């Protein structure tokens, strides 16, 4: 069975094939702990059905469990590992599958997304990959067509949103790269599953209310926007037994303000009408992302008898949220850097509200470790074993040894980076590499960490100068000292 074509934009035929023969099923809430997800991405050339893909993947893992035990450990709770080069040469799994991600659900309150949890991880051979119902296999294809612009006026001048068919190659890997100090990733997945269950069971919304609205707030660069995009992508994979595909709308808030008085509220209404036309198809999971939602939901402080245009926008947004919640396949994801400026009526409509602050030293170390491991994978840096966060903390950090000295140096760089956002931190490896001498066989890891520490110091110094307005001569912060 081919996917029904969404009204706008068209679904990728590659995405459609991945969902052939997938029957819709009821919403299921996963038990906490002990659940494994096997996310199987088929190659664009594969014509394999979902059912056949599930069977093939389970058989491969059951047959290869002993071999995989000798190659790599199973991921700890909240982590994942990707099988890609592990498929036997010439096998059916190699012919059809691009990669396979193995993910263990976070277990208990101590499990932390992206950080090392407490507990012992089983080995591959101890799990019954063939039949264990706790092992859930999700087969999909990545859409490769990228984003499309959604216009809501006949002239095509109001670009109200970008949209993606999900799962999308543009967003693949984003979920796994995000590191937070709290278990927000698993909490978001649990929230969506429970909201779906309430809708599926027909719970009376007059007695138990839910709007399927998420509100993430905090300083810039902490991963709020990336988390919303990644959540939509992950849901399209995890819920592919309930929805044939997903569609993400990333709303351009600023484009919805018109130079014509009272027109902005109408633009908001038209945008949601476009979204509703897609969501009318119950086989499509629709995720609406409104970044910098304060642009549309600013605190209402209108004076006089005539409401301002901004006030009309807030009223229109609240009305559309109230109307679209009747559709169980719509999830609204919002972010803000200035939550104090947002109308409380909007905040009250959000079921899930979470502050996301700057990463701690533990999270900073994990982000830097991930960057270093990626550079070693592509041989820009020489390969060298580094300790995970949990293993490093189990050593005596005050007395680093030869075996952990580089991990300790990386941890010291993370300590120095305290206060920097994850967005800034991920740019620093590039600046560190610029300071190094290129080599054909990969740069020295110890030299890289030394340069990385230097660029951390420079970044903090530059940020302090920006805040104080005492930049070097010739800068925007010190224009009076410009020299010629």
Protein backbone atom coordinates (compact mmCIF):
# COMPACT_ATOMS: atom_id res chain seq x y z
CA UNK A 1 0.00 0.00 0.00
CA UNK A 2 1.49 3.34 -1.03
CA UNK A 3 1.32 6.37 1.17
CA UNK A 4 -1.47 8.86 0.47
CA UNK A 5 0.01 12.02 -0.90
CA UNK A 6 -0.05 14.97 1.50
CA UNK A 7 -1.60 18.07 0.03
CA UNK A 8 1.50 20.27 0.23
CA UNK A 9 4.38 19.49 -0.04
CA UNK A 10 4.28 16.08 -1.73
CA UNK A 11 5.57 13.12 0.20
CA UNK A 12 8.79 11.60 -1.03
CA UNK A 13 8.28 8.29 -2.86
CA UNK A 14 11.33 7.03 -0.95
CA UNK A 15 9.60 7.75 2.35
CA UNK A 16 6.45 6.11 1.03
CA UNK A 17 8.08 2.76 0.30
CA UNK A 18 9.35 2.43 3.85
CA UNK A 19 5.79 2.39 5.14
CA UNK A 20 4.28 -0.16 2.79
CA UNK A 21 2.28 -2.86 4.57
CA UNK A 22 2.39 -1.06 7.91
CA UNK A 23 -1.03 -1.42 9.56
CA UNK A 24 -2.15 1.30 11.95
CA UNK A 25 -2.13 0.28 15.61
CA UNK A 26 -3.29 1.61 18.93
CA UNK A 27 -1.18 3.93 21.04
CA UNK A 28 0.95 2.04 23.55
CA UNK A 29 2.72 3.45 26.59
CA UNK A 30 6.14 1.92 27.07
CA UNK A 31 6.90 0.56 30.54
CA UNK A 32 9.62 2.50 32.30
CA UNK A 33 12.96 0.84 31.91
CA UNK A 34 14.13 -2.27 30.10
CA UNK A 35 12.80 -1.24 26.66
CA UNK A 36 15.10 -1.32 23.64
CA UNK A 37 14.40 0.42 20.34
CA UNK A 38 15.96 -0.80 17.10
CA UNK A 39 15.64 1.98 14.50
CA UNK A 40 16.28 0.50 11.06
CA UNK A 41 16.86 2.91 8.16
CA UNK A 42 16.38 1.29 4.76
CA UNK A 43 18.44 2.29 1.75
CA UNK A 44 16.71 4.40 -0.94
CA UNK A 45 16.96 1.47 -3.36
CA UNK A 46 15.32 -1.04 -1.01
CA UNK A 47 11.80 -2.26 -1.75
CA UNK A 48 11.55 -4.14 1.54
CA UNK A 49 8.22 -3.89 3.41
CA UNK A 50 8.10 -2.85 7.05
CA UNK A 51 7.11 -6.37 8.16
CA UNK A 52 10.00 -7.96 6.25
CA UNK A 53 12.38 -5.31 7.58
CA UNK A 54 11.39 -6.07 11.16
CA UNK A 55 11.86 -9.81 10.67
CA UNK A 56 15.21 -9.37 8.91
CA UNK A 57 16.53 -7.02 11.59
CA UNK A 58 15.53 -9.28 14.46
CA UNK A 59 17.10 -12.30 12.75
CA UNK A 60 20.35 -10.42 12.09
CA UNK A 61 20.69 -9.27 15.72
CA UNK A 62 19.90 -12.75 17.04
CA UNK A 63 22.49 -14.36 14.76
CA UNK A 64 25.19 -11.73 15.29
CA UNK A 65 24.80 -11.17 19.06
CA UNK A 66 27.92 -13.13 20.02
CA UNK A 67 29.99 -11.40 17.33
CA UNK A 68 28.74 -7.95 18.33
CA UNK A 69 29.70 -8.62 21.95
CA UNK A 70 33.31 -8.88 20.84
CA UNK A 71 33.13 -5.67 18.80
CA UNK A 72 31.31 -3.10 20.95
CA UNK A 73 29.29 -2.79 24.14
CA UNK A 74 25.56 -2.29 24.16
CA UNK A 75 24.59 1.35 24.71
CA UNK A 76 23.86 2.46 28.26
CA UNK A 77 20.40 3.85 29.11
CA UNK A 78 19.79 7.11 27.27
CA UNK A 79 22.56 6.36 24.76
CA UNK A 80 22.57 4.77 21.32
CA UNK A 81 24.98 2.95 19.04
CA UNK A 82 24.84 2.79 15.26
CA UNK A 83 25.52 -0.39 13.31
CA UNK A 84 26.63 0.44 9.78
CA UNK A 85 29.88 -1.27 8.88
CA UNK A 86 28.91 -4.38 10.86
CA UNK A 87 26.70 -6.02 8.22
CA UNK A 88 28.13 -9.18 6.57
CA UNK A 89 29.40 -8.59 3.04
CA UNK A 90 26.84 -9.55 0.40
CA UNK A 91 24.08 -10.26 2.94
CA UNK A 92 20.43 -9.20 2.60
CA UNK A 93 20.83 -6.87 5.56
CA UNK A 94 23.71 -5.09 3.84
CA UNK A 95 21.74 -4.85 0.60
CA UNK A 96 18.65 -3.29 2.19
CA UNK A 97 19.71 -1.48 5.36
CA UNK A 98 21.66 1.80 5.45
CA UNK A 99 22.16 1.76 9.23
CA UNK A 100 20.62 0.45 12.42
CA UNK A 101 20.49 2.45 15.68
CA UNK A 102 20.18 0.55 18.96
CA UNK A 103 18.71 2.66 21.78
CA UNK A 104 18.02 1.73 25.38
CA UNK A 105 15.31 3.72 27.13
CA UNK A 106 16.45 5.74 30.12
CA UNK A 107 15.95 3.62 33.24
CA UNK A 108 14.65 5.25 36.41
CA UNK A 109 15.19 8.78 37.71
CA UNK A 110 18.99 8.45 37.69
CA UNK A 111 19.18 7.87 33.96
CA UNK A 112 20.26 11.09 32.25
CA UNK A 113 20.00 11.79 28.53
CA UNK A 114 23.43 12.10 27.00
CA UNK A 115 25.26 11.66 30.31
CA UNK A 116 26.46 8.39 31.80
CA UNK A 117 23.72 6.82 33.92
CA UNK A 118 24.25 4.69 36.99
CA UNK A 119 23.87 0.96 36.40
CA UNK A 120 25.21 -2.06 34.56
CA UNK A 121 24.42 -2.63 30.89
CA UNK A 122 23.74 -6.19 29.63
CA UNK A 123 25.66 -7.77 26.78
CA UNK A 124 24.23 -8.40 23.32
CA UNK A 125 23.89 -12.17 23.77
CA UNK A 126 21.73 -11.88 26.91
CA UNK A 127 18.84 -10.29 25.00
CA UNK A 128 16.33 -12.31 22.98
CA UNK A 129 16.45 -10.17 19.84
CA UNK A 130 14.18 -12.50 17.86
CA UNK A 131 11.03 -12.44 19.99
CA UNK A 132 11.39 -10.28 23.12
CA UNK A 133 8.43 -7.81 23.12
CA UNK A 134 10.56 -5.27 25.03
CA UNK A 135 12.66 -4.94 21.87
CA UNK A 136 10.77 -2.70 19.47
CA UNK A 137 11.86 -2.49 15.85
CA UNK A 138 11.02 0.61 13.79
CA UNK A 139 11.67 0.42 10.02
CA UNK A 140 11.73 3.64 8.00
CA UNK A 141 13.31 5.54 5.13
CA UNK A 142 14.76 9.02 5.30
CA UNK A 143 13.22 11.66 3.08
CA UNK A 144 16.05 13.31 1.15
CA UNK A 145 14.20 16.22 -0.43
CA UNK A 146 14.89 18.72 2.36
CA UNK A 147 12.69 21.62 3.36
CA UNK A 148 10.03 23.33 1.27
CA UNK A 149 8.62 26.83 1.70
CA UNK A 150 4.98 27.19 2.69
CA UNK A 151 3.32 30.33 1.30
CA UNK A 152 -0.06 31.44 2.65
CA UNK A 153 -0.91 34.20 0.18
CA UNK A 154 -1.83 33.96 -3.50
CA UNK A 155 1.12 36.14 -4.55
CA UNK A 156 3.63 33.87 -2.77
CA UNK A 157 5.12 36.78 -0.84
CA UNK A 158 4.37 35.58 2.71
CA UNK A 159 6.70 32.66 3.47
CA UNK A 160 4.93 31.48 6.61
CA UNK A 161 6.92 28.32 7.28
CA UNK A 162 9.42 25.73 6.17
CA UNK A 163 8.18 22.16 6.07
CA UNK A 164 9.89 18.75 6.06
CA UNK A 165 8.57 15.27 5.40
CA UNK A 166 9.71 13.13 8.35
CA UNK A 167 11.89 11.24 9.00
CA UNK A 168 14.28 13.57 7.16
CA UNK A 169 17.94 13.21 6.27
CA UNK A 170 18.32 16.88 7.23
CA UNK A 171 17.61 16.05 10.89
CA UNK A 172 19.06 12.52 11.14
CA UNK A 173 21.51 12.19 14.06
CA UNK A 174 20.41 15.44 15.72
CA UNK A 175 18.61 13.72 18.62
CA UNK A 176 21.66 11.65 19.53
CA UNK A 177 23.99 14.67 19.41
CA UNK A 178 22.04 16.67 22.01
CA UNK A 179 23.30 16.52 25.60
CA UNK A 180 21.33 17.84 28.57
CA UNK A 181 21.78 17.64 32.32
CA UNK A 182 18.19 16.54 32.86
CA UNK A 183 16.29 13.61 31.34
CA UNK A 184 14.27 15.98 29.16
CA UNK A 185 14.53 13.83 26.02
CA UNK A 186 12.92 10.77 27.59
CA UNK A 187 10.44 13.02 29.44
CA UNK A 188 9.30 14.54 26.13
CA UNK A 189 8.85 11.10 24.55
CA UNK A 190 6.86 9.95 27.59
CA UNK A 191 4.69 13.08 27.45
CA UNK A 192 3.80 12.60 23.78
CA UNK A 193 3.02 8.91 24.25
CA UNK A 194 0.73 9.67 27.20
CA UNK A 195 -1.05 12.48 25.31
CA UNK A 196 -1.62 10.06 22.41
CA UNK A 197 -2.97 7.45 24.81
CA UNK A 198 -5.47 9.90 26.33
CA UNK A 199 -6.76 10.71 22.85
CA UNK A 200 -6.86 7.04 21.84
CA UNK A 201 -8.83 6.02 24.94
CA UNK A 202 -11.33 8.83 24.49
CA UNK A 203 -10.64 10.57 27.81
CA UNK A 204 -13.13 13.40 28.42
CA UNK A 205 -11.12 16.65 27.94
CA UNK A 206 -13.55 18.44 30.27
CA UNK A 207 -12.28 16.27 33.12
CA UNK A 208 -8.63 15.78 32.07
CA UNK A 209 -7.29 18.58 29.88
CA UNK A 210 -4.36 18.44 27.49
CA UNK A 211 -3.43 20.60 24.50
CA UNK A 212 -0.33 18.82 23.09
CA UNK A 213 1.66 22.07 23.44
CA UNK A 214 5.34 22.04 24.50
CA UNK A 215 7.08 25.21 25.72
CA UNK A 216 10.88 25.21 26.10
CA UNK A 217 12.50 28.39 27.41
CA UNK A 218 15.96 29.53 28.43
CA UNK A 219 18.99 31.46 27.19
CA UNK A 220 20.08 31.30 23.53
CA UNK A 221 22.22 28.45 22.27
CA UNK A 222 21.09 25.81 24.76
CA UNK A 223 19.54 23.47 22.18
CA UNK A 224 15.83 24.32 22.40
CA UNK A 225 15.23 24.65 18.66
CA UNK A 226 17.37 21.62 17.82
CA UNK A 227 15.53 19.57 20.44
CA UNK A 228 12.13 20.45 18.95
CA UNK A 229 13.27 19.48 15.45
CA UNK A 230 14.88 16.28 16.70
CA UNK A 231 11.80 15.34 18.74
CA UNK A 232 9.56 15.63 15.67
CA UNK A 233 12.01 13.47 13.69
CA UNK A 234 12.25 10.87 16.47
CA UNK A 235 8.47 10.67 16.87
CA UNK A 236 8.05 10.01 13.13
CA UNK A 237 10.32 6.97 13.62
CA UNK A 238 8.98 5.70 16.95
CA UNK A 239 5.30 6.15 16.02
CA UNK A 240 5.52 4.79 12.49
CA UNK A 241 3.15 1.98 13.42
CA UNK A 242 0.47 4.64 14.04
CA UNK A 243 1.31 7.21 11.34
CA UNK A 244 2.45 6.63 7.79
CA UNK A 245 4.78 9.64 7.88
CA UNK A 246 5.34 12.90 9.71
CA UNK A 247 5.44 16.51 8.62
CA UNK A 248 7.24 19.30 10.46
CA UNK A 249 6.18 22.93 10.00
CA UNK A 250 8.74 25.45 11.26
CA UNK A 251 6.77 28.69 11.50
CA UNK A 252 8.43 31.96 10.49
CA UNK A 253 6.92 34.16 13.20
CA UNK A 254 8.25 37.42 11.79
CA UNK A 255 6.69 36.86 8.36
CA UNK A 256 3.23 36.82 9.90
CA UNK A 257 3.32 40.50 10.77
CA UNK A 258 1.82 42.60 7.99
CA UNK A 259 2.31 46.27 7.23
CA UNK A 260 -1.49 46.43 6.87
CA UNK A 261 -3.36 47.02 10.11
CA UNK A 262 -5.30 43.99 11.43
CA UNK A 263 -3.92 41.74 8.64
CA UNK A 264 -1.44 39.91 10.91
CA UNK A 265 -4.17 38.10 12.80
CA UNK A 266 -5.61 36.91 9.49
CA UNK A 267 -2.17 35.61 8.43
CA UNK A 268 -1.94 33.54 11.63
CA UNK A 269 -5.38 32.11 10.91
CA UNK A 270 -4.44 31.26 7.31
CA UNK A 271 -1.25 29.56 8.44
CA UNK A 272 -3.17 27.27 10.80
CA UNK A 273 -5.74 26.56 8.09
CA UNK A 274 -2.87 25.28 5.92
CA UNK A 275 -1.63 23.11 8.79
CA UNK A 276 -5.15 21.85 9.50
CA UNK A 277 -5.60 20.81 5.87
CA UNK A 278 -2.63 18.45 6.28
CA UNK A 279 -3.67 17.28 9.74
CA UNK A 280 -7.15 16.34 8.48
CA UNK A 281 -5.44 13.17 7.26
CA UNK A 282 -5.23 11.02 10.45
CA UNK A 283 -2.35 8.97 9.03
CA UNK A 284 -0.02 12.01 9.17
CA UNK A 285 1.74 13.12 12.35
CA UNK A 286 1.91 16.93 12.18
CA UNK A 287 4.45 18.79 14.33
CA UNK A 288 4.24 22.60 14.37
CA UNK A 289 7.35 24.36 15.65
CA UNK A 290 7.15 28.04 16.61
CA UNK A 291 10.62 29.33 17.40
CA UNK A 292 10.82 32.59 19.38
CA UNK A 293 7.13 32.28 20.18
CA UNK A 294 7.25 35.61 22.02
CA UNK A 295 6.93 37.21 18.56
CA UNK A 296 3.39 35.86 18.32
CA UNK A 297 2.46 35.58 22.00
CA UNK A 298 3.76 38.79 23.57
CA UNK A 299 2.15 39.95 26.80
CA UNK A 300 -1.05 41.83 26.01
CA UNK A 301 -0.77 45.39 27.29
CA UNK A 302 -2.91 47.25 24.80
CA UNK A 303 -4.19 50.70 25.74
CA UNK A 304 -7.34 52.42 24.56
CA UNK A 305 -10.44 50.81 23.13
CA UNK A 306 -8.96 49.56 19.83
CA UNK A 307 -6.69 46.51 20.09
CA UNK A 308 -3.28 46.78 18.50
CA UNK A 309 -2.18 44.52 15.66
CA UNK A 310 0.11 42.61 18.05
CA UNK A 311 -2.86 42.00 20.33
CA UNK A 312 -4.84 40.60 17.41
CA UNK A 313 -1.97 38.19 16.68
CA UNK A 314 -1.96 36.86 20.26
CA UNK A 315 -5.72 36.41 20.22
CA UNK A 316 -5.56 34.65 16.85
CA UNK A 317 -2.79 32.29 18.05
CA UNK A 318 -4.68 31.35 21.21
CA UNK A 319 -7.88 30.75 19.24
CA UNK A 320 -6.08 28.51 16.72
CA UNK A 321 -4.41 26.48 19.48
CA UNK A 322 -7.81 25.92 21.10
CA UNK A 323 -9.27 24.78 17.78
CA UNK A 324 -6.47 22.56 16.53
CA UNK A 325 -6.23 20.57 19.77
CA UNK A 326 -9.29 18.66 18.57
CA UNK A 327 -7.00 16.92 16.07
CA UNK A 328 -5.13 14.16 17.95
CA UNK A 329 -2.30 13.97 15.42
CA UNK A 330 -1.02 17.55 15.94
CA UNK A 331 1.79 18.50 18.31
CA UNK A 332 2.82 22.15 18.85
CA UNK A 333 6.45 22.76 19.87
CA UNK A 334 7.46 26.26 20.97
CA UNK A 335 10.62 27.96 22.23
CA UNK A 336 11.54 31.31 23.74
CA UNK A 337 14.67 33.12 24.93
CA UNK A 338 12.63 35.74 26.83
CA UNK A 339 9.86 33.85 28.60
CA UNK A 340 9.01 36.85 30.79
CA UNK A 341 7.62 38.66 27.74
CA UNK A 342 5.09 35.92 26.88
CA UNK A 343 1.38 36.20 27.56
CA UNK A 344 0.36 34.01 30.49
CA UNK A 345 -2.68 32.76 28.60
CA UNK A 346 -0.30 31.07 26.16
CA UNK A 347 1.89 29.68 28.95
CA UNK A 348 -1.21 28.21 30.60
CA UNK A 349 -2.04 26.33 27.40
CA UNK A 350 1.33 24.54 27.39
CA UNK A 351 1.13 21.06 28.96
CA UNK A 352 4.89 20.57 29.06
CA UNK A 353 7.01 23.52 30.20
CA UNK A 354 10.75 23.20 30.75
CA UNK A 355 13.61 25.61 31.37
CA UNK A 356 16.79 24.68 29.50
CA UNK A 357 19.86 26.40 30.90
CA UNK A 358 23.55 26.36 30.01
CA UNK A 359 25.18 22.93 30.22
CA UNK A 360 27.04 21.88 33.37
CA UNK A 361 30.70 20.82 33.34
CA UNK A 362 29.57 17.18 33.04
CA UNK A 363 27.48 17.96 29.97
CA UNK A 364 30.24 20.15 28.50
CA UNK A 365 32.69 17.25 28.79
CA UNK A 366 30.28 14.93 27.01
CA UNK A 367 29.78 17.46 24.19
CA UNK A 368 33.54 17.90 23.74
CA UNK A 369 34.09 14.13 23.94
CA UNK A 370 31.51 13.62 21.18
CA UNK A 371 33.27 16.20 18.98
CA UNK A 372 36.67 14.58 19.56
CA UNK A 373 35.35 11.09 18.79
CA UNK A 374 33.87 12.36 15.52
CA UNK A 375 37.19 13.93 14.49
CA UNK A 376 38.95 10.65 15.32
CA UNK A 377 36.38 8.69 13.32
CA UNK A 378 37.20 10.63 10.15
CA UNK A 379 40.95 10.49 10.95
CA UNK A 380 41.43 14.25 11.35
CA UNK A 381 42.71 13.40 14.81
CA UNK A 382 44.82 10.37 15.67
CA UNK A 383 42.79 7.69 17.40
CA UNK A 384 43.24 7.45 21.16
CA UNK A 385 40.96 5.89 23.80
CA UNK A 386 39.19 8.42 26.00
CA UNK A 387 37.21 7.71 29.14
CA UNK A 388 33.44 8.11 29.29
CA UNK A 389 32.12 10.59 31.82
CA UNK A 390 31.15 7.89 34.31
CA UNK A 391 34.51 6.11 33.99
CA UNK A 392 36.40 9.38 34.36
CA UNK A 393 34.52 10.30 37.52
CA UNK A 394 35.37 6.90 39.00
CA UNK A 395 39.07 7.74 38.74
CA UNK A 396 41.08 10.02 41.00
CA UNK A 397 40.80 13.31 39.13
CA UNK A 398 43.33 14.95 41.45
CA UNK A 399 46.00 12.44 40.40
CA UNK A 400 45.71 11.83 36.63
CA UNK A 401 47.67 8.84 35.33
CA UNK A 402 49.20 8.11 31.95
CA UNK A 403 46.09 6.15 30.97
CA UNK A 404 43.64 8.96 31.66
CA UNK A 405 45.76 12.11 31.27
CA UNK A 406 44.17 13.13 27.95
CA UNK A 407 40.65 12.51 29.27
CA UNK A 408 41.57 14.59 32.31
CA UNK A 409 42.91 17.41 30.08
CA UNK A 410 39.67 17.39 28.10
CA UNK A 411 37.70 17.55 31.35
CA UNK A 412 39.78 20.55 32.46
CA UNK A 413 38.90 22.27 29.17
CA UNK A 414 35.24 21.56 29.90
CA UNK A 415 35.62 23.11 33.36
CA UNK A 416 37.09 26.25 31.81
CA UNK A 417 34.18 26.39 29.36
CA UNK A 418 31.63 26.69 32.17
CA UNK A 419 29.02 29.26 31.15
CA UNK A 420 29.37 28.68 27.40
CA UNK A 421 26.38 27.34 25.51
CA UNK A 422 26.38 24.07 23.61
CA UNK A 423 26.06 26.02 20.36
CA UNK A 424 29.29 27.91 21.05
CA UNK A 425 31.10 24.83 22.33
CA UNK A 426 30.51 22.84 19.13
CA UNK A 427 32.24 25.59 17.11
CA UNK A 428 35.43 25.55 19.18
CA UNK A 429 36.94 22.31 17.73
CA UNK A 430 37.15 24.06 14.32
CA UNK A 431 39.01 27.01 15.87
CA UNK A 432 41.35 24.61 17.67
CA UNK A 433 42.15 22.77 14.43
CA UNK A 434 43.01 26.09 12.73
CA UNK A 435 45.77 26.61 15.29
CA UNK A 436 47.36 23.24 14.52
CA UNK A 437 49.80 22.07 11.87
CA UNK A 438 48.02 19.84 9.32
CA UNK A 439 49.27 16.24 9.03
CA UNK A 440 48.37 13.50 6.59
CA UNK A 441 48.04 10.80 9.26
CA UNK A 442 45.89 12.79 11.70
CA UNK A 443 46.79 15.48 14.19
CA UNK A 444 48.00 14.74 17.70
CA UNK A 445 45.17 14.52 20.23
CA UNK A 446 47.26 16.06 22.99
CA UNK A 447 48.10 19.06 20.78
CA UNK A 448 44.44 19.39 19.82
CA UNK A 449 43.29 19.48 23.47
CA UNK A 450 45.98 22.07 24.22
CA UNK A 451 44.72 24.26 21.34
CA UNK A 452 41.12 23.64 22.39
CA UNK A 453 41.92 24.92 25.88
CA UNK A 454 43.42 28.05 24.32
CA UNK A 455 40.35 28.80 22.20
CA UNK A 456 38.11 28.29 25.26
CA UNK A 457 40.14 30.97 27.06
CA UNK A 458 39.92 33.25 24.03
CA UNK A 459 36.16 32.76 23.67
CA UNK A 460 35.55 33.61 27.31
CA UNK A 461 37.84 36.65 27.06
CA UNK A 462 36.02 37.89 23.94
CA UNK A 463 32.61 37.42 25.60
CA UNK A 464 33.73 39.33 28.68
CA UNK A 465 34.99 42.16 26.45
CA UNK A 466 31.63 42.27 24.64
CA UNK A 467 29.76 42.52 27.93
CA UNK A 468 31.99 45.25 29.33
CA UNK A 469 32.22 47.24 26.11
CA UNK A 470 36.02 47.31 26.42
CA UNK A 471 36.95 45.54 23.22
CA UNK A 472 40.27 46.07 21.49
CA UNK A 473 40.81 49.21 19.38
CA UNK A 474 38.83 49.33 16.17
CA UNK A 475 35.97 47.10 17.37
CA UNK A 476 32.29 47.90 17.74
CA UNK A 477 32.76 47.89 21.50
CA UNK A 478 35.51 50.48 21.38
CA UNK A 479 34.88 52.65 18.28
CA UNK A 480 36.51 55.72 19.85
CA UNK A 481 39.88 53.99 19.81
CA UNK A 482 39.85 53.18 16.13
CA UNK A 483 43.24 53.66 14.54
CA UNK A 484 43.94 54.40 10.90
